[in-house]
Amino acid sequence: MKQTITQSIAKKVALLFVSFFSLASIAQDLTITVELCTPSNEVRMTGPFWGWDPTAGPFATDNLDGTWTFTFSTAPTADMEYLIISNGVQENLVQDMLNGGSCAPVTDYFSYANRIWTVGSGNVSGISYDRCVSCAIEDLVITTEICDSTLSPSQVNLTGPIWSWNPAFGPQAVDNGNGTWTFTMSPAPSDSLEYLLVLDGTMENLVSDMVNGGTCAPLTDYSTYANRLWVNGAGNVDNTYDFCTTCAEVGIDETQFASLSIYPNPAMDVITITDEMAIGTVSIYSIVGQKVQEVEVNATSGSLSIDRLNSGVYYLTVSRNGASSVHQIVKL
């Protein structure tokens, strides 16, 4: 009888042990499910656990519904920093974090933005590859035309209050190879976006365009600043760097200034302006859009004294007959 009781107790203990072990194993599993906005043939994970090697991390399983799932039979015993790779392309969440996202809190808001799973936080779902929000939220695409083909820009950026007006801090555009550059903000901002375009570090100046009847930069005092504005829900944008008109329209206006000459440039004390036609108003603006000088020439030549200006880059605008021509000058 004692042996039977002992065996019964042993069996119960064994069952409890098995049950506990099974529950512990289940508790140690970890699944991370990722939504993909575009189809993929292969989805992987990378992070410091795998030396950030894009080919060393685990593969995800295709759920055939637009989502992929990583399954860890044993959850990590330490917090896991990671990023997702789709078709060999590692996601980049820096811009999402700059736009107010929260999906990649391990970030310097400049060179990296990494996701993190913390021990005990359980399974992960509802995340989307390469963005901090669902694929259902639309992107904002801004396509910018560069009129002067001789500039051969290497980089085109956005700047604005979101990026503290730092000309190097905003998102970069992709060169389409046809004189246009495209920004893709994924997702679109949840609020209106005030911004200006920056070409190789030079911020556009739209004050003169607005003074002459333009509408592309409605946030303006018509003197010191003129900023573009995208309103939430307004859709994608086509614009022209440094102009309120298209390049074709700019070309028509610029025929009035075909013989315009501005020299020397760079200059230290005086800049001379000549043309075959009478020059109208000449204005000089700082790189942030502040008007620092203006003269009425009303002749075929004139001179501007710039000796009191600080050294740096300025915009010189020549206006007449409702048209204008904008030129970058350098004060030594």
C-alpha atoms as a PDB file:
ATOM      1  CA  MET A   1       0.000   0.000   0.000  1.00  0.00           C
ATOM      2  CA  LYS A   2       2.826   2.395   0.948  1.00  0.00           C
ATOM      3  CA  GLN A   3       4.539   1.580  -2.314  1.00  0.00           C
ATOM      4  CA  THR A   4       1.340   2.384  -4.247  1.00  0.00           C
ATOM      5  CA  ILE A   5       0.969   5.745  -2.447  1.00  0.00           C
ATOM      6  CA  THR A   6       4.624   6.533  -3.057  1.00  0.00           C
ATOM      7  CA  GLN A   7       4.298   5.670  -6.733  1.00  0.00           C
ATOM      8  CA  SER A   8       1.156   7.798  -6.984  1.00  0.00           C
ATOM      9  CA  ILE A   9       2.902  10.764  -5.403  1.00  0.00           C
ATOM     10  CA  ALA A  10       5.882  10.273  -7.688  1.00  0.00           C
ATOM     11  CA  LYS A  11       3.630  10.244 -10.726  1.00  0.00           C
ATOM     12  CA  LYS A  12       1.939  13.458  -9.599  1.00  0.00           C
ATOM     13  CA  VAL A  13       5.294  15.122  -9.007  1.00  0.00           C
ATOM     14  CA  ALA A  14       6.454  13.960 -12.429  1.00  0.00           C
ATOM     15  CA  LEU A  15       3.287  15.296 -14.045  1.00  0.00           C
ATOM     16  CA  LEU A  16       3.685  18.616 -12.253  1.00  0.00           C
ATOM     17  CA  PHE A  17       7.314  18.784 -13.395  1.00  0.00           C
ATOM     18  CA  VAL A  18       6.342  18.016 -16.974  1.00  0.00           C
ATOM     19  CA  SER A  19       3.514  20.534 -16.826  1.00  0.00           C
ATOM     20  CA  PHE A  20       5.807  23.196 -15.363  1.00  0.00           C
ATOM     21  CA  PHE A  21       8.512  22.440 -17.921  1.00  0.00           C
ATOM     22  CA  SER A  22       5.977  22.625 -20.761  1.00  0.00           C
ATOM     23  CA  LEU A  23       4.574  25.927 -19.510  1.00  0.00           C
ATOM     24  CA  ALA A  24       8.087  27.284 -19.074  1.00  0.00           C
ATOM     25  CA  SER A  25       8.943  26.275 -22.623  1.00  0.00           C
ATOM     26  CA  ILE A  26       5.815  27.994 -23.951  1.00  0.00           C
ATOM     27  CA  ALA A  27       6.614  31.098 -21.921  1.00  0.00           C
ATOM     28  CA  GLN A  28      10.099  31.161 -23.413  1.00  0.00           C
ATOM     29  CA  ASP A  29       8.871  31.211 -27.022  1.00  0.00           C
ATOM     30  CA  LEU A  30       8.997  34.567 -28.814  1.00  0.00           C
ATOM     31  CA  THR A  31       7.325  35.530 -32.075  1.00  0.00           C
ATOM     32  CA  ILE A  32       7.794  38.809 -33.931  1.00  0.00           C
ATOM     33  CA  THR A  33       5.355  39.436 -36.782  1.00  0.00           C
ATOM     34  CA  VAL A  34       6.130  42.106 -39.366  1.00  0.00           C
ATOM     35  CA  GLU A  35       3.834  43.698 -41.940  1.00  0.00           C
ATOM     36  CA  LEU A  36       5.344  44.374 -45.361  1.00  0.00           C
ATOM     37  CA  CYS A  37       3.940  47.158 -47.523  1.00  0.00           C
ATOM     38  CA  THR A  38       5.368  45.628 -50.712  1.00  0.00           C
ATOM     39  CA  PRO A  39       5.881  41.938 -51.583  1.00  0.00           C
ATOM     40  CA  SER A  40       9.160  40.276 -50.634  1.00  0.00           C
ATOM     41  CA  ASN A  41      10.935  37.014 -51.385  1.00  0.00           C
ATOM     42  CA  GLU A  42      12.961  36.912 -48.176  1.00  0.00           C
ATOM     43  CA  VAL A  43      12.719  38.578 -44.773  1.00  0.00           C
ATOM     44  CA  ARG A  44      15.494  38.395 -42.181  1.00  0.00           C
ATOM     45  CA  MET A  45      16.516  40.036 -38.942  1.00  0.00           C
ATOM     46  CA  THR A  46      19.804  41.640 -37.950  1.00  0.00           C
ATOM     47  CA  GLY A  47      21.206  43.288 -34.845  1.00  0.00           C
ATOM     48  CA  PRO A  48      24.120  43.177 -32.393  1.00  0.00           C
ATOM     49  CA  PHE A  49      23.320  39.497 -31.586  1.00  0.00           C
ATOM     50  CA  TRP A  50      24.424  38.739 -35.164  1.00  0.00           C
ATOM     51  CA  GLY A  51      27.132  41.412 -35.446  1.00  0.00           C
ATOM     52  CA  TRP A  52      24.785  43.459 -37.653  1.00  0.00           C
ATOM     53  CA  ASP A  53      25.573  40.970 -40.416  1.00  0.00           C
ATOM     54  CA  PRO A  54      22.607  41.139 -42.842  1.00  0.00           C
ATOM     55  CA  THR A  55      23.102  37.457 -43.735  1.00  0.00           C
ATOM     56  CA  ALA A  56      23.570  36.026 -40.236  1.00  0.00           C
ATOM     57  CA  GLY A  57      20.214  36.694 -38.578  1.00  0.00           C
ATOM     58  CA  PRO A  58      17.137  34.430 -38.571  1.00  0.00           C
ATOM     59  CA  PHE A  59      14.668  34.086 -41.426  1.00  0.00           C
ATOM     60  CA  ALA A  60      10.965  34.893 -41.075  1.00  0.00           C
ATOM     61  CA  THR A  61       8.132  32.678 -42.316  1.00  0.00           C
ATOM     62  CA  ASP A  62       5.769  34.063 -44.937  1.00  0.00           C
ATOM     63  CA  ASN A  63       2.197  34.028 -43.591  1.00  0.00           C
ATOM     64  CA  LEU A  64       0.881  34.647 -47.141  1.00  0.00           C
ATOM     65  CA  ASP A  65      -1.216  37.587 -45.945  1.00  0.00           C
ATOM     66  CA  GLY A  66       1.351  40.381 -46.199  1.00  0.00           C
ATOM     67  CA  THR A  67       2.957  39.525 -42.860  1.00  0.00           C
ATOM     68  CA  TRP A  68       6.049  37.503 -41.949  1.00  0.00           C
ATOM     69  CA  THR A  69       6.797  35.911 -38.572  1.00  0.00           C
ATOM     70  CA  PHE A  70      10.085  35.261 -36.780  1.00  0.00           C
ATOM     71  CA  THR A  71       9.882  32.459 -34.205  1.00  0.00           C
ATOM     72  CA  PHE A  72      12.454  32.059 -31.422  1.00  0.00           C
ATOM     73  CA  SER A  73      12.029  28.672 -29.684  1.00  0.00           C
ATOM     74  CA  THR A  74      13.749  30.240 -26.715  1.00  0.00           C
ATOM     75  CA  ALA A  75      13.313  33.945 -26.120  1.00  0.00           C
ATOM     76  CA  PRO A  76      16.496  35.982 -25.558  1.00  0.00           C
ATOM     77  CA  THR A  77      17.513  36.382 -21.920  1.00  0.00           C
ATOM     78  CA  ALA A  78      18.591  40.003 -22.544  1.00  0.00           C
ATOM     79  CA  ASP A  79      16.998  42.912 -24.347  1.00  0.00           C
ATOM     80  CA  MET A  80      17.277  42.455 -28.117  1.00  0.00           C
ATOM     81  CA  GLU A  81      18.109  45.365 -30.418  1.00  0.00           C
ATOM     82  CA  TYR A  82      17.181  44.618 -34.040  1.00  0.00           C
ATOM     83  CA  LEU A  83      16.183  45.725 -37.522  1.00  0.00           C
ATOM     84  CA  ILE A  84      14.330  43.970 -40.345  1.00  0.00           C
ATOM     85  CA  ILE A  85      15.806  43.144 -43.755  1.00  0.00           C
ATOM     86  CA  SER A  86      13.574  42.607 -46.788  1.00  0.00           C
ATOM     87  CA  ASN A  87      15.060  41.316 -50.047  1.00  0.00           C
ATOM     88  CA  GLY A  88      18.499  42.223 -48.740  1.00  0.00           C
ATOM     89  CA  VAL A  89      17.582  45.838 -47.870  1.00  0.00           C
ATOM     90  CA  GLN A  90      17.860  46.841 -44.220  1.00  0.00           C
ATOM     91  CA  GLU A  91      15.151  49.165 -42.981  1.00  0.00           C
ATOM     92  CA  ASN A  92      16.099  52.742 -42.074  1.00  0.00           C
ATOM     93  CA  LEU A  93      13.927  54.317 -39.395  1.00  0.00           C
ATOM     94  CA  VAL A  94      15.888  57.504 -38.689  1.00  0.00           C
ATOM     95  CA  GLN A  95      13.483  59.742 -40.585  1.00  0.00           C
ATOM     96  CA  ASP A  96      10.472  58.075 -38.978  1.00  0.00           C
ATOM     97  CA  MET A  97      11.889  58.905 -35.560  1.00  0.00           C
ATOM     98  CA  LEU A  98      12.617  62.492 -36.640  1.00  0.00           C
ATOM     99  CA  ASN A  99       8.979  62.732 -37.714  1.00  0.00           C
ATOM    100  CA  GLY A 100       7.817  61.779 -34.214  1.00  0.00           C
ATOM    101  CA  GLY A 101       7.797  57.982 -34.467  1.00  0.00           C
ATOM    102  CA  SER A 102       8.451  55.696 -31.514  1.00  0.00           C
ATOM    103  CA  CYS A 103       9.203  52.300 -33.071  1.00  0.00           C
ATOM    104  CA  ALA A 104      13.019  52.631 -32.964  1.00  0.00           C
ATOM    105  CA  PRO A 105      13.897  54.234 -29.619  1.00  0.00           C
ATOM    106  CA  VAL A 106      17.582  53.240 -29.774  1.00  0.00           C
ATOM    107  CA  THR A 107      18.599  56.206 -31.947  1.00  0.00           C
ATOM    108  CA  ASP A 108      20.773  59.278 -32.256  1.00  0.00           C
ATOM    109  CA  TYR A 109      18.221  60.751 -34.727  1.00  0.00           C
ATOM    110  CA  PHE A 110      20.968  60.958 -37.315  1.00  0.00           C
ATOM    111  CA  SER A 111      22.951  57.833 -38.159  1.00  0.00           C
ATOM    112  CA  TYR A 112      20.920  54.980 -36.659  1.00  0.00           C
ATOM    113  CA  ALA A 113      17.462  54.122 -35.306  1.00  0.00           C
ATOM    114  CA  ASN A 114      17.010  50.572 -34.012  1.00  0.00           C
ATOM    115  CA  ARG A 115      14.051  48.622 -32.718  1.00  0.00           C
ATOM    116  CA  ILE A 116      14.281  46.901 -29.324  1.00  0.00           C
ATOM    117  CA  TRP A 117      12.511  43.968 -27.690  1.00  0.00           C
ATOM    118  CA  THR A 118      12.744  43.984 -23.906  1.00  0.00           C
ATOM    119  CA  VAL A 119      12.794  40.858 -21.769  1.00  0.00           C
ATOM    120  CA  GLY A 120       9.343  39.981 -20.501  1.00  0.00           C
ATOM    121  CA  SER A 121       7.478  42.177 -22.991  1.00  0.00           C
ATOM    122  CA  GLY A 122       6.026  39.180 -24.835  1.00  0.00           C
ATOM    123  CA  ASN A 123       5.381  38.603 -28.503  1.00  0.00           C
ATOM    124  CA  VAL A 124       5.529  41.434 -31.013  1.00  0.00           C
ATOM    125  CA  SER A 125       2.965  42.246 -33.707  1.00  0.00           C
ATOM    126  CA  GLY A 126       1.640  45.293 -35.495  1.00  0.00           C
ATOM    127  CA  ILE A 127       5.037  46.510 -36.689  1.00  0.00           C
ATOM    128  CA  SER A 128       5.718  47.428 -40.317  1.00  0.00           C
ATOM    129  CA  TYR A 129       8.958  47.042 -42.255  1.00  0.00           C
ATOM    130  CA  ASP A 130      10.802  50.352 -42.808  1.00  0.00           C
ATOM    131  CA  ARG A 131       8.195  52.515 -41.076  1.00  0.00           C
ATOM    132  CA  CYS A 132       6.821  53.287 -37.635  1.00  0.00           C
ATOM    133  CA  VAL A 133       3.180  53.087 -38.689  1.00  0.00           C
ATOM    134  CA  SER A 134       0.927  50.718 -40.597  1.00  0.00           C
ATOM    135  CA  CYS A 135       1.151  50.310 -44.360  1.00  0.00           C
ATOM    136  CA  ALA A 136      -2.410  51.642 -44.496  1.00  0.00           C
ATOM    137  CA  ILE A 137      -1.119  55.162 -43.770  1.00  0.00           C
ATOM    138  CA  GLU A 138      -0.094  56.772 -47.067  1.00  0.00           C
ATOM    139  CA  ASP A 139       3.316  58.185 -47.953  1.00  0.00           C
ATOM    140  CA  LEU A 140       4.004  61.763 -49.033  1.00  0.00           C
ATOM    141  CA  VAL A 141       5.971  62.069 -52.277  1.00  0.00           C
ATOM    142  CA  ILE A 142       7.549  65.445 -53.169  1.00  0.00           C
ATOM    143  CA  THR A 143       9.115  65.659 -56.621  1.00  0.00           C
ATOM    144  CA  THR A 144      11.441  68.604 -57.198  1.00  0.00           C
ATOM    145  CA  GLU A 145      12.580  69.903 -60.584  1.00  0.00           C
ATOM    146  CA  ILE A 146      16.046  71.480 -60.917  1.00  0.00           C
ATOM    147  CA  CYS A 147      16.068  74.026 -63.747  1.00  0.00           C
ATOM    148  CA  ASP A 148      19.780  74.712 -64.155  1.00  0.00           C
ATOM    149  CA  SER A 149      21.266  71.574 -65.703  1.00  0.00           C
ATOM    150  CA  THR A 150      24.783  72.959 -65.209  1.00  0.00           C
ATOM    151  CA  LEU A 151      24.499  72.709 -61.421  1.00  0.00           C
ATOM    152  CA  SER A 152      24.910  68.897 -61.380  1.00  0.00           C
ATOM    153  CA  PRO A 153      23.707  68.646 -57.755  1.00  0.00           C
ATOM    154  CA  SER A 154      24.985  65.831 -55.599  1.00  0.00           C
ATOM    155  CA  GLN A 155      22.372  66.182 -52.850  1.00  0.00           C
ATOM    156  CA  VAL A 156      18.915  67.704 -52.439  1.00  0.00           C
ATOM    157  CA  ASN A 157      17.370  68.026 -48.964  1.00  0.00           C
ATOM    158  CA  LEU A 158      14.317  69.370 -47.206  1.00  0.00           C
ATOM    159  CA  THR A 159      14.600  71.681 -44.243  1.00  0.00           C
ATOM    160  CA  GLY A 160      12.068  73.339 -41.978  1.00  0.00           C
ATOM    161  CA  PRO A 161      11.068  73.774 -38.335  1.00  0.00           C
ATOM    162  CA  ILE A 162      10.861  69.983 -37.845  1.00  0.00           C
ATOM    163  CA  TRP A 163      14.592  69.876 -38.548  1.00  0.00           C
ATOM    164  CA  SER A 164      15.370  73.207 -36.799  1.00  0.00           C
ATOM    165  CA  TRP A 165      16.041  74.755 -40.239  1.00  0.00           C
ATOM    166  CA  ASN A 166      19.304  72.845 -40.387  1.00  0.00           C
ATOM    167  CA  PRO A 167      20.082  72.575 -44.140  1.00  0.00           C
ATOM    168  CA  ALA A 168      21.789  69.211 -43.656  1.00  0.00           C
ATOM    169  CA  PHE A 169      19.386  67.577 -41.207  1.00  0.00           C
ATOM    170  CA  GLY A 170      16.231  67.030 -43.268  1.00  0.00           C
ATOM    171  CA  PRO A 171      15.411  64.074 -45.526  1.00  0.00           C
ATOM    172  CA  GLN A 172      17.366  63.554 -48.729  1.00  0.00           C
ATOM    173  CA  ALA A 173      15.815  63.159 -52.165  1.00  0.00           C
ATOM    174  CA  VAL A 174      16.590  60.440 -54.701  1.00  0.00           C
ATOM    175  CA  ASP A 175      17.968  61.531 -58.077  1.00  0.00           C
ATOM    176  CA  ASN A 176      15.588  60.381 -60.830  1.00  0.00           C
ATOM    177  CA  GLY A 177      18.244  61.034 -63.466  1.00  0.00           C
ATOM    178  CA  ASN A 178      16.035  63.369 -65.512  1.00  0.00           C
ATOM    179  CA  GLY A 179      16.478  66.686 -63.721  1.00  0.00           C
ATOM    180  CA  THR A 180      14.021  65.791 -60.968  1.00  0.00           C
ATOM    181  CA  TRP A 181      14.585  64.537 -57.436  1.00  0.00           C
ATOM    182  CA  THR A 182      12.043  62.724 -55.263  1.00  0.00           C
ATOM    183  CA  PHE A 183      11.488  62.796 -51.502  1.00  0.00           C
ATOM    184  CA  THR A 184       9.399  60.003 -49.995  1.00  0.00           C
ATOM    185  CA  MET A 185       8.149  60.623 -46.474  1.00  0.00           C
ATOM    186  CA  SER A 186       6.836  57.351 -45.132  1.00  0.00           C
ATOM    187  CA  PRO A 187       4.404  57.904 -43.619  1.00  0.00           C
ATOM    188  CA  ALA A 188       3.106  61.331 -44.560  1.00  0.00           C
ATOM    189  CA  PRO A 189       3.327  63.846 -41.690  1.00  0.00           C
ATOM    190  CA  SER A 190       0.312  63.829 -39.413  1.00  0.00           C
ATOM    191  CA  ASP A 191       0.279  67.638 -39.409  1.00  0.00           C
ATOM    192  CA  SER A 192       0.977  70.395 -41.925  1.00  0.00           C
ATOM    193  CA  LEU A 193       4.589  70.600 -43.111  1.00  0.00           C
ATOM    194  CA  GLU A 194       6.461  73.909 -43.459  1.00  0.00           C
ATOM    195  CA  TYR A 195       9.598  73.489 -45.516  1.00  0.00           C
ATOM    196  CA  LEU A 196      12.139  74.734 -48.046  1.00  0.00           C
ATOM    197  CA  LEU A 197      14.346  72.888 -50.529  1.00  0.00           C
ATOM    198  CA  VAL A 198      18.136  72.732 -50.132  1.00  0.00           C
ATOM    199  CA  LEU A 199      20.481  72.037 -53.045  1.00  0.00           C
ATOM    200  CA  ASP A 200      24.028  71.056 -52.066  1.00  0.00           C
ATOM    201  CA  GLY A 201      23.717  73.050 -48.862  1.00  0.00           C
ATOM    202  CA  THR A 202      22.117  76.125 -50.462  1.00  0.00           C
ATOM    203  CA  MET A 203      18.614  76.886 -49.248  1.00  0.00           C
ATOM    204  CA  GLU A 204      16.169  78.241 -51.821  1.00  0.00           C
ATOM    205  CA  ASN A 205      14.903  81.832 -51.491  1.00  0.00           C
ATOM    206  CA  LEU A 206      11.320  82.410 -52.628  1.00  0.00           C
ATOM    207  CA  VAL A 207      10.775  85.940 -51.291  1.00  0.00           C
ATOM    208  CA  SER A 208      11.165  87.562 -54.707  1.00  0.00           C
ATOM    209  CA  ASP A 209       8.813  85.029 -56.311  1.00  0.00           C
ATOM    210  CA  MET A 210       6.136  85.804 -53.725  1.00  0.00           C
ATOM    211  CA  VAL A 211       6.645  89.559 -54.127  1.00  0.00           C
ATOM    212  CA  ASN A 212       6.104  89.072 -57.862  1.00  0.00           C
ATOM    213  CA  GLY A 213       2.794  87.267 -57.358  1.00  0.00           C
ATOM    214  CA  GLY A 214       3.895  83.688 -56.689  1.00  0.00           C
ATOM    215  CA  THR A 215       1.847  81.341 -54.514  1.00  0.00           C
ATOM    216  CA  CYS A 216       4.253  78.492 -53.721  1.00  0.00           C
ATOM    217  CA  ALA A 217       5.466  79.868 -50.371  1.00  0.00           C
ATOM    218  CA  PRO A 218       2.391  81.203 -48.539  1.00  0.00           C
ATOM    219  CA  LEU A 219       4.138  81.442 -45.168  1.00  0.00           C
ATOM    220  CA  THR A 220       5.839  84.750 -45.896  1.00  0.00           C
ATOM    221  CA  ASP A 221       6.204  88.352 -44.784  1.00  0.00           C
ATOM    222  CA  TYR A 222       7.277  89.311 -48.359  1.00  0.00           C
ATOM    223  CA  SER A 223      10.537  90.649 -46.952  1.00  0.00           C
ATOM    224  CA  THR A 224      12.594  88.277 -44.809  1.00  0.00           C
ATOM    225  CA  TYR A 225      11.187  84.788 -45.410  1.00  0.00           C
ATOM    226  CA  ALA A 226       8.938  82.781 -47.741  1.00  0.00           C
ATOM    227  CA  ASN A 227       8.331  79.148 -46.811  1.00  0.00           C
ATOM    228  CA  ARG A 228       6.465  76.388 -48.590  1.00  0.00           C
ATOM    229  CA  LEU A 229       3.535  74.643 -46.881  1.00  0.00           C
ATOM    230  CA  TRP A 230       2.120  71.160 -47.373  1.00  0.00           C
ATOM    231  CA  VAL A 231      -1.300  70.718 -45.762  1.00  0.00           C
ATOM    232  CA  ASN A 232      -2.186  67.291 -44.418  1.00  0.00           C
ATOM    233  CA  GLY A 233      -4.401  65.474 -46.902  1.00  0.00           C
ATOM    234  CA  ALA A 234      -3.331  67.631 -49.859  1.00  0.00           C
ATOM    235  CA  GLY A 235      -1.642  64.690 -51.608  1.00  0.00           C
ATOM    236  CA  ASN A 236       1.701  64.499 -53.363  1.00  0.00           C
ATOM    237  CA  VAL A 237       3.626  67.584 -54.491  1.00  0.00           C
ATOM    238  CA  ASP A 238       5.483  68.695 -57.626  1.00  0.00           C
ATOM    239  CA  ASN A 239       7.644  71.797 -57.248  1.00  0.00           C
ATOM    240  CA  THR A 240      10.704  73.611 -58.617  1.00  0.00           C
ATOM    241  CA  TYR A 241      13.830  74.390 -56.617  1.00  0.00           C
ATOM    242  CA  ASP A 242      14.146  78.152 -55.982  1.00  0.00           C
ATOM    243  CA  PHE A 243      11.089  79.064 -58.087  1.00  0.00           C
ATOM    244  CA  CYS A 244       7.309  79.206 -57.806  1.00  0.00           C
ATOM    245  CA  THR A 245       6.959  78.293 -61.479  1.00  0.00           C
ATOM    246  CA  THR A 246       7.975  75.279 -63.550  1.00  0.00           C
ATOM    247  CA  CYS A 247      11.314  75.200 -65.329  1.00  0.00           C
ATOM    248  CA  ALA A 248       9.557  75.853 -68.638  1.00  0.00           C
ATOM    249  CA  GLU A 249       7.979  79.016 -67.225  1.00  0.00           C
ATOM    250  CA  VAL A 250      11.246  80.038 -65.603  1.00  0.00           C
ATOM    251  CA  GLY A 251      12.906  79.724 -68.993  1.00  0.00           C
ATOM    252  CA  ILE A 252      10.407  82.133 -70.523  1.00  0.00           C
ATOM    253  CA  ASP A 253      11.076  84.731 -67.828  1.00  0.00           C
ATOM    254  CA  GLU A 254      14.826  84.249 -68.004  1.00  0.00           C
ATOM    255  CA  THR A 255      14.927  85.263 -71.697  1.00  0.00           C
ATOM    256  CA  GLN A 256      14.499  88.829 -70.440  1.00  0.00           C
ATOM    257  CA  PHE A 257      17.844  88.463 -68.647  1.00  0.00           C
ATOM    258  CA  ALA A 258      19.878  86.658 -71.324  1.00  0.00           C
ATOM    259  CA  SER A 259      22.432  89.490 -71.469  1.00  0.00           C
ATOM    260  CA  LEU A 260      22.535  90.183 -67.742  1.00  0.00           C
ATOM    261  CA  SER A 261      26.031  90.277 -66.278  1.00  0.00           C
ATOM    262  CA  ILE A 262      26.984  90.350 -62.589  1.00  0.00           C
ATOM    263  CA  TYR A 263      30.637  90.779 -61.628  1.00  0.00           C
ATOM    264  CA  PRO A 264      32.930  90.247 -59.875  1.00  0.00           C
ATOM    265  CA  ASN A 265      31.601  87.195 -58.073  1.00  0.00           C
ATOM    266  CA  PRO A 266      32.935  86.515 -55.465  1.00  0.00           C
ATOM    267  CA  ALA A 267      33.354  90.161 -54.507  1.00  0.00           C
ATOM    268  CA  MET A 268      34.692  92.080 -51.535  1.00  0.00           C
ATOM    269  CA  ASP A 269      33.399  95.650 -51.877  1.00  0.00           C
ATOM    270  CA  VAL A 270      31.347  96.351 -55.019  1.00  0.00           C
ATOM    271  CA  ILE A 271      29.251  94.298 -57.442  1.00  0.00           C
ATOM    272  CA  THR A 272      28.489  95.671 -60.915  1.00  0.00           C
ATOM    273  CA  ILE A 273      25.349  94.730 -62.876  1.00  0.00           C
ATOM    274  CA  THR A 274      24.919  95.383 -66.596  1.00  0.00           C
ATOM    275  CA  ASP A 275      22.331  94.474 -69.210  1.00  0.00           C
ATOM    276  CA  GLU A 276      21.192  95.507 -72.669  1.00  0.00           C
ATOM    277  CA  MET A 277      17.819  96.535 -71.230  1.00  0.00           C
ATOM    278  CA  ALA A 278      17.245  98.883 -68.318  1.00  0.00           C
ATOM    279  CA  ILE A 279      17.658  97.115 -64.997  1.00  0.00           C
ATOM    280  CA  GLY A 280      14.835  97.626 -62.535  1.00  0.00           C
ATOM    281  CA  THR A 281      15.092  96.712 -58.849  1.00  0.00           C
ATOM    282  CA  VAL A 282      18.098  94.890 -57.452  1.00  0.00           C
ATOM    283  CA  SER A 283      17.731  93.185 -54.061  1.00  0.00           C
ATOM    284  CA  ILE A 284      20.140  91.164 -51.956  1.00  0.00           C
ATOM    285  CA  TYR A 285      18.896  88.528 -49.503  1.00  0.00           C
ATOM    286  CA  SER A 286      20.716  86.512 -46.889  1.00  0.00           C
ATOM    287  CA  ILE A 287      20.721  82.741 -47.192  1.00  0.00           C
ATOM    288  CA  VAL A 288      17.801  82.556 -44.730  1.00  0.00           C
ATOM    289  CA  GLY A 289      15.702  84.973 -46.803  1.00  0.00           C
ATOM    290  CA  GLN A 290      16.308  88.284 -45.017  1.00  0.00           C
ATOM    291  CA  LYS A 291      16.489  91.280 -47.336  1.00  0.00           C
ATOM    292  CA  VAL A 292      19.730  93.105 -46.566  1.00  0.00           C
ATOM    293  CA  GLN A 293      19.879  95.614 -49.420  1.00  0.00           C
ATOM    294  CA  GLU A 294      17.727  96.985 -52.247  1.00  0.00           C
ATOM    295  CA  VAL A 295      18.299  99.650 -54.889  1.00  0.00           C
ATOM    296  CA  GLU A 296      16.395 101.012 -57.872  1.00  0.00           C
ATOM    297  CA  VAL A 297      18.810 101.054 -60.820  1.00  0.00           C
ATOM    298  CA  ASN A 298      16.516 101.953 -63.755  1.00  0.00           C
ATOM    299  CA  ALA A 299      19.501 101.992 -66.123  1.00  0.00           C
ATOM    300  CA  THR A 300      21.493  99.483 -68.152  1.00  0.00           C
ATOM    301  CA  SER A 301      24.207  99.359 -65.521  1.00  0.00           C
ATOM    302  CA  GLY A 302      24.608  99.952 -61.817  1.00  0.00           C
ATOM    303  CA  SER A 303      26.818  99.144 -58.859  1.00  0.00           C
ATOM    304  CA  LEU A 304      26.039  97.877 -55.366  1.00  0.00           C
ATOM    305  CA  SER A 305      28.310  98.431 -52.415  1.00  0.00           C
ATOM    306  CA  ILE A 306      28.490  95.263 -50.323  1.00  0.00           C
ATOM    307  CA  ASP A 307      31.416  96.182 -48.084  1.00  0.00           C
ATOM    308  CA  ARG A 308      29.171  96.297 -44.997  1.00  0.00           C
ATOM    309  CA  LEU A 309      27.838  92.781 -45.503  1.00  0.00           C
ATOM    310  CA  ASN A 310      29.294  89.903 -43.559  1.00  0.00           C
ATOM    311  CA  SER A 311      31.251  87.349 -45.537  1.00  0.00           C
ATOM    312  CA  GLY A 312      29.132  84.525 -46.891  1.00  0.00           C
ATOM    313  CA  VAL A 313      26.594  83.449 -49.521  1.00  0.00           C
ATOM    314  CA  TYR A 314      23.742  85.758 -50.577  1.00  0.00           C
ATOM    315  CA  TYR A 315      21.026  85.870 -53.239  1.00  0.00           C
ATOM    316  CA  LEU A 316      20.903  88.786 -55.668  1.00  0.00           C
ATOM    317  CA  THR A 317      17.539  89.306 -57.387  1.00  0.00           C
ATOM    318  CA  VAL A 318      17.070  91.495 -60.460  1.00  0.00           C
ATOM    319  CA  SER A 319      13.439  92.413 -61.209  1.00  0.00           C
ATOM    320  CA  ARG A 320      11.746  94.248 -64.072  1.00  0.00           C
ATOM    321  CA  ASN A 321       8.499  94.076 -66.043  1.00  0.00           C
ATOM    322  CA  GLY A 322       7.015  91.525 -63.641  1.00  0.00           C
ATOM    323  CA  ALA A 323       9.880  89.047 -64.150  1.00  0.00           C
ATOM    324  CA  SER A 324      12.868  88.332 -61.973  1.00  0.00           C
ATOM    325  CA  SER A 325      16.242  86.609 -62.128  1.00  0.00           C
ATOM    326  CA  VAL A 326      17.905  85.187 -59.011  1.00  0.00           C
ATOM    327  CA  HIS A 327      21.666  84.694 -58.701  1.00  0.00           C
ATOM    328  CA  GLN A 328      23.883  83.395 -55.927  1.00  0.00           C
ATOM    329  CA  ILE A 329      26.724  85.712 -54.971  1.00  0.00           C
ATOM    330  CA  VAL A 330      29.552  85.352 -52.507  1.00  0.00           C
ATOM    331  CA  LYS A 331      30.821  88.201 -50.284  1.00  0.00           C
ATOM    332  CA  LEU A 332      34.487  87.750 -49.414  1.00  0.00           C
END
